[in-house]
Amino acid sequence: SSITGMNVQANKSIVGANAFAHSSGIHQ
């Protein structure tokens, strides 16, 4: 991503910023 300038969407599976993030109270 850094070299190509092609940003990874946050909800991208495995490597996205939100792939292992939890905000719902039930999920947390």
mmCIF file of all heavy atoms, coordinates in Angstrom:
data_MODEL
# 
_entry.id   MODEL 
# 
loop_
_atom_site.group_PDB 
_atom_site.id 
_atom_site.type_symbol 
_atom_site.label_atom_id 
_atom_site.label_alt_id 
_atom_site.label_comp_id 
_atom_site.label_asym_id 
_atom_site.label_entity_id 
_atom_site.label_seq_id 
_atom_site.pdbx_PDB_ins_code 
_atom_site.Cartn_x 
_atom_site.Cartn_y 
_atom_site.Cartn_z 
_atom_site.occupancy 
_atom_site.B_iso_or_equiv 
_atom_site.pdbx_formal_charge 
_atom_site.auth_seq_id 
_atom_site.auth_comp_id 
_atom_site.auth_asym_id 
_atom_site.auth_atom_id 
_atom_site.pdbx_PDB_model_num 
ATOM 1   N N   . SER A 1 1  ? 0.829   -1.207  0.000  1.00 0.00 ? 1  SER A N   1 
ATOM 2   C CA  . SER A 1 1  ? 0.000   0.000   0.000  1.00 0.00 ? 1  SER A CA  1 
ATOM 3   C C   . SER A 1 1  ? 0.860   1.253   0.000  1.00 0.00 ? 1  SER A C   1 
ATOM 4   O O   . SER A 1 1  ? 0.593   2.214   -0.718 1.00 0.00 ? 1  SER A O   1 
ATOM 5   C CB  . SER A 1 1  ? -0.925  -0.011  1.225  1.00 0.00 ? 1  SER A CB  1 
ATOM 6   O OG  . SER A 1 1  ? -1.708  1.150   1.269  1.00 0.00 ? 1  SER A OG  1 
ATOM 7   N N   . SER A 1 2  ? 1.924   1.227   0.791  1.00 0.00 ? 2  SER A N   1 
ATOM 8   C CA  . SER A 1 2  ? 2.824   2.373   0.881  1.00 0.00 ? 2  SER A CA  1 
ATOM 9   C C   . SER A 1 2  ? 3.540   2.631   -0.444 1.00 0.00 ? 2  SER A C   1 
ATOM 10  O O   . SER A 1 2  ? 3.656   3.776   -0.890 1.00 0.00 ? 2  SER A O   1 
ATOM 11  C CB  . SER A 1 2  ? 3.835   2.127   2.004  1.00 0.00 ? 2  SER A CB  1 
ATOM 12  O OG  . SER A 1 2  ? 4.921   2.987   1.925  1.00 0.00 ? 2  SER A OG  1 
ATOM 13  N N   . ILE A 1 3  ? 4.007   1.573   -1.082 1.00 0.00 ? 3  ILE A N   1 
ATOM 14  C CA  . ILE A 1 3  ? 4.781   1.723   -2.316 1.00 0.00 ? 3  ILE A CA  1 
ATOM 15  C C   . ILE A 1 3  ? 3.901   2.121   -3.491 1.00 0.00 ? 3  ILE A C   1 
ATOM 16  O O   . ILE A 1 3  ? 4.276   2.976   -4.305 1.00 0.00 ? 3  ILE A O   1 
ATOM 17  C CB  . ILE A 1 3  ? 5.545   0.412   -2.620 1.00 0.00 ? 3  ILE A CB  1 
ATOM 18  C CG1 . ILE A 1 3  ? 6.728   0.277   -1.635 1.00 0.00 ? 3  ILE A CG1 1 
ATOM 19  C CG2 . ILE A 1 3  ? 6.044   0.381   -4.062 1.00 0.00 ? 3  ILE A CG2 1 
ATOM 20  C CD1 . ILE A 1 3  ? 7.494   -1.021  -1.760 1.00 0.00 ? 3  ILE A CD1 1 
ATOM 21  N N   . THR A 1 4  ? 2.719   1.522   -3.587 1.00 0.00 ? 4  THR A N   1 
ATOM 22  C CA  . THR A 1 4  ? 1.852   1.783   -4.737 1.00 0.00 ? 4  THR A CA  1 
ATOM 23  C C   . THR A 1 4  ? 0.953   2.994   -4.557 1.00 0.00 ? 4  THR A C   1 
ATOM 24  O O   . THR A 1 4  ? 0.424   3.541   -5.523 1.00 0.00 ? 4  THR A O   1 
ATOM 25  C CB  . THR A 1 4  ? 0.955   0.572   -5.026 1.00 0.00 ? 4  THR A CB  1 
ATOM 26  O OG1 . THR A 1 4  ? 0.094   0.349   -3.891 1.00 0.00 ? 4  THR A OG1 1 
ATOM 27  C CG2 . THR A 1 4  ? 1.779   -0.669  -5.298 1.00 0.00 ? 4  THR A CG2 1 
ATOM 28  N N   . GLY A 1 5  ? 0.751   3.405   -3.291 1.00 0.00 ? 5  GLY A N   1 
ATOM 29  C CA  . GLY A 1 5  ? -0.184  4.496   -3.024 1.00 0.00 ? 5  GLY A CA  1 
ATOM 30  C C   . GLY A 1 5  ? -1.636  4.060   -3.105 1.00 0.00 ? 5  GLY A C   1 
ATOM 31  O O   . GLY A 1 5  ? -2.537  4.898   -3.076 1.00 0.00 ? 5  GLY A O   1 
ATOM 32  N N   . MET A 1 6  ? -1.873  2.743   -3.180 1.00 0.00 ? 6  MET A N   1 
ATOM 33  C CA  . MET A 1 6  ? -3.236  2.204   -3.238 1.00 0.00 ? 6  MET A CA  1 
ATOM 34  C C   . MET A 1 6  ? -3.660  1.837   -1.823 1.00 0.00 ? 6  MET A C   1 
ATOM 35  O O   . MET A 1 6  ? -3.223  0.824   -1.274 1.00 0.00 ? 6  MET A O   1 
ATOM 36  C CB  . MET A 1 6  ? -3.295  0.970   -4.145 1.00 0.00 ? 6  MET A CB  1 
ATOM 37  C CG  . MET A 1 6  ? -2.786  1.210   -5.552 1.00 0.00 ? 6  MET A CG  1 
ATOM 38  S SD  . MET A 1 6  ? -3.905  2.219   -6.539 1.00 0.00 ? 6  MET A SD  1 
ATOM 39  C CE  . MET A 1 6  ? -5.168  1.034   -6.918 1.00 0.00 ? 6  MET A CE  1 
ATOM 40  N N   . ASN A 1 7  ? -4.500  2.674   -1.212 1.00 0.00 ? 7  ASN A N   1 
ATOM 41  C CA  . ASN A 1 7  ? -4.910  2.447   0.166  1.00 0.00 ? 7  ASN A CA  1 
ATOM 42  C C   . ASN A 1 7  ? -5.833  1.235   0.280  1.00 0.00 ? 7  ASN A C   1 
ATOM 43  O O   . ASN A 1 7  ? -6.623  0.948   -0.607 1.00 0.00 ? 7  ASN A O   1 
ATOM 44  C CB  . ASN A 1 7  ? -5.619  3.684   0.720  1.00 0.00 ? 7  ASN A CB  1 
ATOM 45  C CG  . ASN A 1 7  ? -4.681  4.865   0.850  1.00 0.00 ? 7  ASN A CG  1 
ATOM 46  O OD1 . ASN A 1 7  ? -3.487  4.685   1.093  1.00 0.00 ? 7  ASN A OD1 1 
ATOM 47  N ND2 . ASN A 1 7  ? -5.194  6.067   0.683  1.00 0.00 ? 7  ASN A ND2 1 
ATOM 48  N N   . VAL A 1 8  ? -5.728  0.559   1.408  1.00 0.00 ? 8  VAL A N   1 
ATOM 49  C CA  . VAL A 1 8  ? -6.580  -0.595  1.690  1.00 0.00 ? 8  VAL A CA  1 
ATOM 50  C C   . VAL A 1 8  ? -7.813  -0.107  2.441  1.00 0.00 ? 8  VAL A C   1 
ATOM 51  O O   . VAL A 1 8  ? -7.699  0.602   3.435  1.00 0.00 ? 8  VAL A O   1 
ATOM 52  C CB  . VAL A 1 8  ? -5.820  -1.631  2.552  1.00 0.00 ? 8  VAL A CB  1 
ATOM 53  C CG1 . VAL A 1 8  ? -6.738  -2.792  2.924  1.00 0.00 ? 8  VAL A CG1 1 
ATOM 54  C CG2 . VAL A 1 8  ? -4.588  -2.126  1.805  1.00 0.00 ? 8  VAL A CG2 1 
ATOM 55  N N   . GLN A 1 9  ? -9.001  -0.484  1.963  1.00 0.00 ? 9  GLN A N   1 
ATOM 56  C CA  . GLN A 1 9  ? -10.215 -0.054  2.638  1.00 0.00 ? 9  GLN A CA  1 
ATOM 57  C C   . GLN A 1 9  ? -10.260 -0.619  4.057  1.00 0.00 ? 9  GLN A C   1 
ATOM 58  O O   . GLN A 1 9  ? -9.777  -1.723  4.323  1.00 0.00 ? 9  GLN A O   1 
ATOM 59  C CB  . GLN A 1 9  ? -11.444 -0.507  1.853  1.00 0.00 ? 9  GLN A CB  1 
ATOM 60  C CG  . GLN A 1 9  ? -11.614 -2.026  1.772  1.00 0.00 ? 9  GLN A CG  1 
ATOM 61  C CD  . GLN A 1 9  ? -12.596 -2.436  0.709  1.00 0.00 ? 9  GLN A CD  1 
ATOM 62  O OE1 . GLN A 1 9  ? -12.373 -2.137  -0.459 1.00 0.00 ? 9  GLN A OE1 1 
ATOM 63  N NE2 . GLN A 1 9  ? -13.651 -3.119  1.090  1.00 0.00 ? 9  GLN A NE2 1 
ATOM 64  N N   . ALA A 1 10 ? -10.841 0.132   4.975  1.00 0.00 ? 10 ALA A N   1 
ATOM 65  C CA  . ALA A 1 10 ? -10.841 -0.249  6.382  1.00 0.00 ? 10 ALA A CA  1 
ATOM 66  C C   . ALA A 1 10 ? -11.512 -1.594  6.622  1.00 0.00 ? 10 ALA A C   1 
ATOM 67  O O   . ALA A 1 10 ? -11.087 -2.362  7.494  1.00 0.00 ? 10 ALA A O   1 
ATOM 68  C CB  . ALA A 1 10 ? -11.522 0.835   7.218  1.00 0.00 ? 10 ALA A CB  1 
ATOM 69  N N   . ASN A 1 11 ? -12.562 -1.909  5.864  1.00 0.00 ? 11 ASN A N   1 
ATOM 70  C CA  . ASN A 1 11 ? -13.282 -3.164  6.092  1.00 0.00 ? 11 ASN A CA  1 
ATOM 71  C C   . ASN A 1 11 ? -12.786 -4.304  5.209  1.00 0.00 ? 11 ASN A C   1 
ATOM 72  O O   . ASN A 1 11 ? -13.461 -5.315  5.059  1.00 0.00 ? 11 ASN A O   1 
ATOM 73  C CB  . ASN A 1 11 ? -14.794 -2.967  5.881  1.00 0.00 ? 11 ASN A CB  1 
ATOM 74  C CG  . ASN A 1 11 ? -15.138 -2.596  4.451  1.00 0.00 ? 11 ASN A CG  1 
ATOM 75  O OD1 . ASN A 1 11 ? -14.341 -1.956  3.774  1.00 0.00 ? 11 ASN A OD1 1 
ATOM 76  N ND2 . ASN A 1 11 ? -16.308 -2.987  3.989  1.00 0.00 ? 11 ASN A ND2 1 
ATOM 77  N N   . LYS A 1 12 ? -11.591 -4.168  4.628  1.00 0.00 ? 12 LYS A N   1 
ATOM 78  C CA  . LYS A 1 12 ? -10.993 -5.246  3.837  1.00 0.00 ? 12 LYS A CA  1 
ATOM 79  C C   . LYS A 1 12 ? -10.716 -6.440  4.744  1.00 0.00 ? 12 LYS A C   1 
ATOM 80  O O   . LYS A 1 12 ? -10.167 -6.288  5.834  1.00 0.00 ? 12 LYS A O   1 
ATOM 81  C CB  . LYS A 1 12 ? -9.698  -4.734  3.201  1.00 0.00 ? 12 LYS A CB  1 
ATOM 82  C CG  . LYS A 1 12 ? -8.792  -5.796  2.609  1.00 0.00 ? 12 LYS A CG  1 
ATOM 83  C CD  . LYS A 1 12 ? -9.316  -6.301  1.285  1.00 0.00 ? 12 LYS A CD  1 
ATOM 84  C CE  . LYS A 1 12 ? -8.289  -7.200  0.611  1.00 0.00 ? 12 LYS A CE  1 
ATOM 85  N NZ  . LYS A 1 12 ? -8.015  -8.430  1.350  1.00 0.00 ? 12 LYS A NZ  1 
ATOM 86  N N   . SER A 1 13 ? -11.085 -7.635  4.292  1.00 0.00 ? 13 SER A N   1 
ATOM 87  C CA  . SER A 1 13 ? -10.857 -8.828  5.108  1.00 0.00 ? 13 SER A CA  1 
ATOM 88  C C   . SER A 1 13 ? -9.367  -9.055  5.341  1.00 0.00 ? 13 SER A C   1 
ATOM 89  O O   . SER A 1 13 ? -8.530  -8.712  4.519  1.00 0.00 ? 13 SER A O   1 
ATOM 90  C CB  . SER A 1 13 ? -11.474 -10.054 4.428  1.00 0.00 ? 13 SER A CB  1 
ATOM 91  O OG  . SER A 1 13 ? -10.913 -10.233 3.152  1.00 0.00 ? 13 SER A OG  1 
ATOM 92  N N   . ILE A 1 14 ? -9.042  -9.606  6.469  1.00 0.00 ? 14 ILE A N   1 
ATOM 93  C CA  . ILE A 1 14 ? -7.703  -10.025 6.902  1.00 0.00 ? 14 ILE A CA  1 
ATOM 94  C C   . ILE A 1 14 ? -6.773  -8.867  7.229  1.00 0.00 ? 14 ILE A C   1 
ATOM 95  O O   . ILE A 1 14 ? -6.170  -8.834  8.298  1.00 0.00 ? 14 ILE A O   1 
ATOM 96  C CB  . ILE A 1 14 ? -7.003  -10.962 5.873  1.00 0.00 ? 14 ILE A CB  1 
ATOM 97  C CG1 . ILE A 1 14 ? -7.962  -12.046 5.366  1.00 0.00 ? 14 ILE A CG1 1 
ATOM 98  C CG2 . ILE A 1 14 ? -5.735  -11.554 6.471  1.00 0.00 ? 14 ILE A CG2 1 
ATOM 99  C CD1 . ILE A 1 14 ? -8.501  -12.965 6.416  1.00 0.00 ? 14 ILE A CD1 1 
ATOM 100 N N   . VAL A 1 15 ? -6.617  -7.892  6.315  1.00 0.00 ? 15 VAL A N   1 
ATOM 101 C CA  . VAL A 1 15 ? -5.609  -6.851  6.507  1.00 0.00 ? 15 VAL A CA  1 
ATOM 102 C C   . VAL A 1 15 ? -6.188  -5.451  6.667  1.00 0.00 ? 15 VAL A C   1 
ATOM 103 O O   . VAL A 1 15 ? -5.440  -4.492  6.868  1.00 0.00 ? 15 VAL A O   1 
ATOM 104 C CB  . VAL A 1 15 ? -4.591  -6.851  5.339  1.00 0.00 ? 15 VAL A CB  1 
ATOM 105 C CG1 . VAL A 1 15 ? -3.772  -8.128  5.327  1.00 0.00 ? 15 VAL A CG1 1 
ATOM 106 C CG2 . VAL A 1 15 ? -5.301  -6.663  3.997  1.00 0.00 ? 15 VAL A CG2 1 
ATOM 107 N N   . GLY A 1 16 ? -7.508  -5.297  6.590  1.00 0.00 ? 16 GLY A N   1 
ATOM 108 C CA  . GLY A 1 16 ? -8.111  -3.975  6.758  1.00 0.00 ? 16 GLY A CA  1 
ATOM 109 C C   . GLY A 1 16 ? -8.008  -3.509  8.209  1.00 0.00 ? 16 GLY A C   1 
ATOM 110 O O   . GLY A 1 16 ? -7.907  -4.316  9.141  1.00 0.00 ? 16 GLY A O   1 
ATOM 111 N N   . ALA A 1 17 ? -8.056  -2.196  8.407  1.00 0.00 ? 17 ALA A N   1 
ATOM 112 C CA  . ALA A 1 17 ? -7.927  -1.633  9.757  1.00 0.00 ? 17 ALA A CA  1 
ATOM 113 C C   . ALA A 1 17 ? -9.012  -2.136  10.696 1.00 0.00 ? 17 ALA A C   1 
ATOM 114 O O   . ALA A 1 17 ? -8.805  -2.233  11.908 1.00 0.00 ? 17 ALA A O   1 
ATOM 115 C CB  . ALA A 1 17 ? -7.962  -0.103  9.676  1.00 0.00 ? 17 ALA A CB  1 
ATOM 116 N N   . ASN A 1 18 ? -10.180 -2.449  10.150 1.00 0.00 ? 18 ASN A N   1 
ATOM 117 C CA  . ASN A 1 18 ? -11.295 -2.904  10.992 1.00 0.00 ? 18 ASN A CA  1 
ATOM 118 C C   . ASN A 1 18 ? -11.463 -4.415  11.025 1.00 0.00 ? 18 ASN A C   1 
ATOM 119 O O   . ASN A 1 18 ? -12.446 -4.910  11.591 1.00 0.00 ? 18 ASN A O   1 
ATOM 120 C CB  . ASN A 1 18 ? -12.607 -2.278  10.497 1.00 0.00 ? 18 ASN A CB  1 
ATOM 121 C CG  . ASN A 1 18 ? -12.652 -0.784  10.705 1.00 0.00 ? 18 ASN A CG  1 
ATOM 122 O OD1 . ASN A 1 18 ? -11.850 -0.229  11.437 1.00 0.00 ? 18 ASN A OD1 1 
ATOM 123 N ND2 . ASN A 1 18 ? -13.592 -0.110  10.062 1.00 0.00 ? 18 ASN A ND2 1 
ATOM 124 N N   . ALA A 1 19 ? -10.542 -5.166  10.427 1.00 0.00 ? 19 ALA A N   1 
ATOM 125 C CA  . ALA A 1 19 ? -10.716 -6.619  10.303 1.00 0.00 ? 19 ALA A CA  1 
ATOM 126 C C   . ALA A 1 19 ? -10.862 -7.302  11.652 1.00 0.00 ? 19 ALA A C   1 
ATOM 127 O O   . ALA A 1 19 ? -11.554 -8.318  11.773 1.00 0.00 ? 19 ALA A O   1 
ATOM 128 C CB  . ALA A 1 19 ? -9.545  -7.221  9.530  1.00 0.00 ? 19 ALA A CB  1 
ATOM 129 N N   . PHE A 1 20 ? -10.204 -6.757  12.684 1.00 0.00 ? 20 PHE A N   1 
ATOM 130 C CA  . PHE A 1 20 ? -10.287 -7.367  14.017 1.00 0.00 ? 20 PHE A CA  1 
ATOM 131 C C   . PHE A 1 20 ? -10.718 -6.334  15.058 1.00 0.00 ? 20 PHE A C   1 
ATOM 132 O O   . PHE A 1 20 ? -10.350 -6.411  16.224 1.00 0.00 ? 20 PHE A O   1 
ATOM 133 C CB  . PHE A 1 20 ? -8.936  -7.986  14.398 1.00 0.00 ? 20 PHE A CB  1 
ATOM 134 C CG  . PHE A 1 20 ? -8.487  -9.038  13.427 1.00 0.00 ? 20 PHE A CG  1 
ATOM 135 C CD1 . PHE A 1 20 ? -7.555  -8.737  12.439 1.00 0.00 ? 20 PHE A CD1 1 
ATOM 136 C CD2 . PHE A 1 20 ? -9.022  -10.310 13.462 1.00 0.00 ? 20 PHE A CD2 1 
ATOM 137 C CE1 . PHE A 1 20 ? -7.157  -9.701  11.519 1.00 0.00 ? 20 PHE A CE1 1 
ATOM 138 C CE2 . PHE A 1 20 ? -8.631  -11.283 12.544 1.00 0.00 ? 20 PHE A CE2 1 
ATOM 139 C CZ  . PHE A 1 20 ? -7.698  -10.972 11.572 1.00 0.00 ? 20 PHE A CZ  1 
ATOM 140 N N   . ALA A 1 21 ? -11.488 -5.357  14.613 1.00 0.00 ? 21 ALA A N   1 
ATOM 141 C CA  . ALA A 1 21 ? -11.960 -4.297  15.509 1.00 0.00 ? 21 ALA A CA  1 
ATOM 142 C C   . ALA A 1 21 ? -13.437 -4.515  15.814 1.00 0.00 ? 21 ALA A C   1 
ATOM 143 O O   . ALA A 1 21 ? -14.211 -4.897  14.945 1.00 0.00 ? 21 ALA A O   1 
ATOM 144 C CB  . ALA A 1 21 ? -11.750 -2.930  14.864 1.00 0.00 ? 21 ALA A CB  1 
ATOM 145 N N   . HIS A 1 22 ? -13.814 -4.263  17.055 1.00 0.00 ? 22 HIS A N   1 
ATOM 146 C CA  . HIS A 1 22 ? -15.188 -4.488  17.499 1.00 0.00 ? 22 HIS A CA  1 
ATOM 147 C C   . HIS A 1 22 ? -15.703 -3.234  18.195 1.00 0.00 ? 22 HIS A C   1 
ATOM 148 O O   . HIS A 1 22 ? -15.077 -2.741  19.132 1.00 0.00 ? 22 HIS A O   1 
ATOM 149 C CB  . HIS A 1 22 ? -15.253 -5.673  18.471 1.00 0.00 ? 22 HIS A CB  1 
ATOM 150 C CG  . HIS A 1 22 ? -14.608 -6.912  17.931 1.00 0.00 ? 22 HIS A CG  1 
ATOM 151 N ND1 . HIS A 1 22 ? -15.288 -7.846  17.185 1.00 0.00 ? 22 HIS A ND1 1 
ATOM 152 C CD2 . HIS A 1 22 ? -13.325 -7.354  18.006 1.00 0.00 ? 22 HIS A CD2 1 
ATOM 153 C CE1 . HIS A 1 22 ? -14.462 -8.813  16.836 1.00 0.00 ? 22 HIS A CE1 1 
ATOM 154 N NE2 . HIS A 1 22 ? -13.252 -8.530  17.316 1.00 0.00 ? 22 HIS A NE2 1 
ATOM 155 N N   . SER A 1 23 ? -16.858 -2.726  17.727 1.00 0.00 ? 23 SER A N   1 
ATOM 156 C CA  . SER A 1 23 ? -17.426 -1.537  18.361 1.00 0.00 ? 23 SER A CA  1 
ATOM 157 C C   . SER A 1 23 ? -18.801 -1.793  18.966 1.00 0.00 ? 23 SER A C   1 
ATOM 158 O O   . SER A 1 23 ? -19.258 -1.041  19.816 1.00 0.00 ? 23 SER A O   1 
ATOM 159 C CB  . SER A 1 23 ? -17.515 -0.381  17.353 1.00 0.00 ? 23 SER A CB  1 
ATOM 160 O OG  . SER A 1 23 ? -18.445 -0.681  16.343 1.00 0.00 ? 23 SER A OG  1 
ATOM 161 N N   . SER A 1 24 ? -19.484 -2.841  18.528 1.00 0.00 ? 24 SER A N   1 
ATOM 162 C CA  . SER A 1 24 ? -20.790 -3.178  19.093 1.00 0.00 ? 24 SER A CA  1 
ATOM 163 C C   . SER A 1 24 ? -20.626 -3.732  20.500 1.00 0.00 ? 24 SER A C   1 
ATOM 164 O O   . SER A 1 24 ? -19.775 -4.589  20.746 1.00 0.00 ? 24 SER A O   1 
ATOM 165 C CB  . SER A 1 24 ? -21.485 -4.208  18.199 1.00 0.00 ? 24 SER A CB  1 
ATOM 166 O OG  . SER A 1 24 ? -22.519 -4.861  18.902 1.00 0.00 ? 24 SER A OG  1 
ATOM 167 N N   . GLY A 1 25 ? -21.445 -3.256  21.420 1.00 0.00 ? 25 GLY A N   1 
ATOM 168 C CA  . GLY A 1 25 ? -21.366 -3.728  22.799 1.00 0.00 ? 25 GLY A CA  1 
ATOM 169 C C   . GLY A 1 25 ? -21.542 -5.225  22.917 1.00 0.00 ? 25 GLY A C   1 
ATOM 170 O O   . GLY A 1 25 ? -20.840 -5.898  23.691 1.00 0.00 ? 25 GLY A O   1 
ATOM 171 N N   . ILE A 1 26 ? -22.473 -5.813  22.146 1.00 0.00 ? 26 ILE A N   1 
ATOM 172 C CA  . ILE A 1 26 ? -22.714 -7.259  22.196 1.00 0.00 ? 26 ILE A CA  1 
ATOM 173 C C   . ILE A 1 26 ? -21.474 -8.014  21.732 1.00 0.00 ? 26 ILE A C   1 
ATOM 174 O O   . ILE A 1 26 ? -21.042 -8.985  22.362 1.00 0.00 ? 26 ILE A O   1 
ATOM 175 C CB  . ILE A 1 26 ? -23.927 -7.625  21.317 1.00 0.00 ? 26 ILE A CB  1 
ATOM 176 C CG1 . ILE A 1 26 ? -25.201 -6.998  21.893 1.00 0.00 ? 26 ILE A CG1 1 
ATOM 177 C CG2 . ILE A 1 26 ? -24.090 -9.134  21.206 1.00 0.00 ? 26 ILE A CG2 1 
ATOM 178 C CD1 . ILE A 1 26 ? -26.412 -7.133  21.001 1.00 0.00 ? 26 ILE A CD1 1 
ATOM 179 N N   . HIS A 1 27 ? -20.883 -7.562  20.626 1.00 0.00 ? 27 HIS A N   1 
ATOM 180 C CA  . HIS A 1 27 ? -19.681 -8.218  20.107 1.00 0.00 ? 27 HIS A CA  1 
ATOM 181 C C   . HIS A 1 27 ? -18.516 -8.054  21.078 1.00 0.00 ? 27 HIS A C   1 
ATOM 182 O O   . HIS A 1 27 ? -17.750 -8.995  21.308 1.00 0.00 ? 27 HIS A O   1 
ATOM 183 C CB  . HIS A 1 27 ? -19.306 -7.626  18.746 1.00 0.00 ? 27 HIS A CB  1 
ATOM 184 C CG  . HIS A 1 27 ? -20.194 -8.084  17.641 1.00 0.00 ? 27 HIS A CG  1 
ATOM 185 N ND1 . HIS A 1 27 ? -19.727 -8.522  16.429 1.00 0.00 ? 27 HIS A ND1 1 
ATOM 186 C CD2 . HIS A 1 27 ? -21.553 -8.179  17.553 1.00 0.00 ? 27 HIS A CD2 1 
ATOM 187 C CE1 . HIS A 1 27 ? -20.736 -8.856  15.638 1.00 0.00 ? 27 HIS A CE1 1 
ATOM 188 N NE2 . HIS A 1 27 ? -21.862 -8.642  16.306 1.00 0.00 ? 27 HIS A NE2 1 
ATOM 189 N N   . GLN A 1 28 ? -18.357 -6.879  21.623 1.00 0.00 ? 28 GLN A N   1 
ATOM 190 C CA  . GLN A 1 28 ? -17.247 -6.631  22.551 1.00 0.00 ? 28 GLN A CA  1 
ATOM 191 C C   . GLN A 1 28 ? -17.339 -7.539  23.767 1.00 0.00 ? 28 GLN A C   1 
ATOM 192 O O   . GLN A 1 28 ? -16.346 -8.114  24.208 1.00 0.00 ? 28 GLN A O   1 
ATOM 193 C CB  . GLN A 1 28 ? -17.247 -5.160  22.978 1.00 0.00 ? 28 GLN A CB  1 
ATOM 194 C CG  . GLN A 1 28 ? -16.855 -4.214  21.861 1.00 0.00 ? 28 GLN A CG  1 
ATOM 195 C CD  . GLN A 1 28 ? -17.030 -2.758  22.239 1.00 0.00 ? 28 GLN A CD  1 
ATOM 196 O OE1 . GLN A 1 28 ? -17.813 -2.421  23.124 1.00 0.00 ? 28 GLN A OE1 1 
ATOM 197 N NE2 . GLN A 1 28 ? -16.325 -1.872  21.562 1.00 0.00 ? 28 GLN A NE2 1 
# 
